[in-house]
Protein backbone atom coordinates (compact mmCIF):
# COMPACT_ATOMS: atom_id res chain seq x y z
CA MET A 1 0.00 0.00 0.00
CA PRO A 2 1.46 3.40 -0.93
CA LEU A 3 2.66 5.72 1.82
CA GLY A 4 -0.23 7.84 3.11
CA ALA A 5 -2.90 5.46 1.76
CA ARG A 6 -5.49 3.94 4.08
CA GLU A 7 -7.57 0.83 3.80
CA SER A 8 -11.30 1.55 3.46
CA ARG A 9 -14.25 -0.69 4.25
CA LEU A 10 -16.76 1.59 2.51
CA PRO A 11 -18.50 0.10 -0.53
CA CYS A 12 -17.55 1.39 -3.94
CA PRO A 13 -20.20 3.64 -5.56
CA GLU A 14 -21.05 0.96 -8.15
CA ASP A 15 -21.56 -1.82 -5.55
CA CYS A 16 -24.96 -3.01 -4.38
CA VAL A 17 -25.60 -2.29 -0.70
CA LEU A 18 -27.89 -4.47 1.44
CA SER A 19 -29.17 -3.95 4.97
CA ASP A 20 -28.31 -6.33 7.79
CA TRP A 21 -30.30 -9.57 7.82
CA GLY A 22 -33.64 -9.48 9.62
CA SER A 23 -34.80 -12.09 12.12
CA TRP A 24 -35.56 -15.64 11.04
CA SER A 25 -39.23 -16.40 10.42
CA ARG A 26 -40.93 -18.94 12.68
CA CYS A 27 -41.11 -22.61 11.77
CA PRO A 28 -44.73 -23.77 11.57
CA LEU A 29 -44.12 -27.33 12.82
CA PRO A 30 -41.05 -28.18 14.90
CA CYS A 31 -40.64 -31.73 13.58
CA SER A 32 -41.52 -31.16 9.95
CA GLY A 33 -38.34 -31.67 7.96
CA ASN A 34 -39.75 -30.33 4.70
CA THR A 35 -40.61 -26.80 5.81
CA MET A 36 -38.29 -23.83 5.53
CA ARG A 37 -37.76 -20.64 7.45
CA GLU A 38 -36.36 -17.45 5.96
CA ARG A 39 -34.90 -14.07 6.73
CA LEU A 40 -34.74 -10.99 4.55
CA ALA A 41 -32.43 -8.10 3.81
CA THR A 42 -33.41 -4.86 2.09
CA GLN A 43 -31.61 -3.48 -0.94
CA LEU A 44 -30.38 -0.04 0.10
CA ARG A 45 -28.57 0.92 -3.11
CA GLN A 46 -28.87 -0.26 -6.71
CA PRO A 47 -25.72 -1.73 -8.24
CA GLY A 48 -23.95 -0.09 -11.14
CA VAL A 49 -24.13 -1.23 -14.75
CA ALA A 50 -23.19 -4.91 -15.27
CA LYS A 51 -23.28 -5.61 -11.51
CA GLN A 52 -25.88 -7.57 -9.57
CA CYS A 53 -27.09 -7.62 -5.99
CA PRO A 54 -26.91 -10.90 -4.09
CA SER A 55 -30.17 -12.51 -3.04
CA THR A 56 -32.14 -10.61 -0.41
CA THR A 57 -33.69 -13.84 0.92
CA GLU A 58 -31.88 -16.54 2.86
CA LYS A 59 -33.62 -19.88 3.57
CA GLU A 60 -32.84 -22.91 5.71
CA PRO A 61 -34.75 -26.05 6.75
CA CYS A 62 -36.75 -26.01 9.97
CA THR A 63 -34.84 -28.32 12.28
CA LEU A 64 -35.78 -26.89 15.65
CA ASN A 65 -35.82 -30.25 17.37
CA SER A 66 -33.46 -32.86 15.96
CA ASN A 67 -34.83 -35.48 18.40
CA CYS A 68 -38.28 -35.83 16.87
CA PHE A 69 -39.78 -39.29 17.16
CA THR A 70 -42.72 -40.92 15.41
CA TYR A 71 -44.84 -43.38 17.36
CA SER A 72 -47.50 -45.79 16.21
CA TYR A 73 -49.81 -47.70 18.52
CA ASN A 74 -51.43 -51.07 17.90
CA ILE A 75 -54.63 -51.50 19.84
């Protein structure tokens, strides 16, 4: 780095800027392995020409309780 130069963490003017991630949504059923929860970010600044913003939605499976059991009863 040249003498007198400083490192900057500010985004370049042509970069897309997103907000921090919001909270995760609630999982409807704790033991349902095929449902997803999500969290969102807001696009604060449009990207420049030929640049794209990353996704503003992040998803993951609902695995709130990894010790879910299924029981069947014979009467």
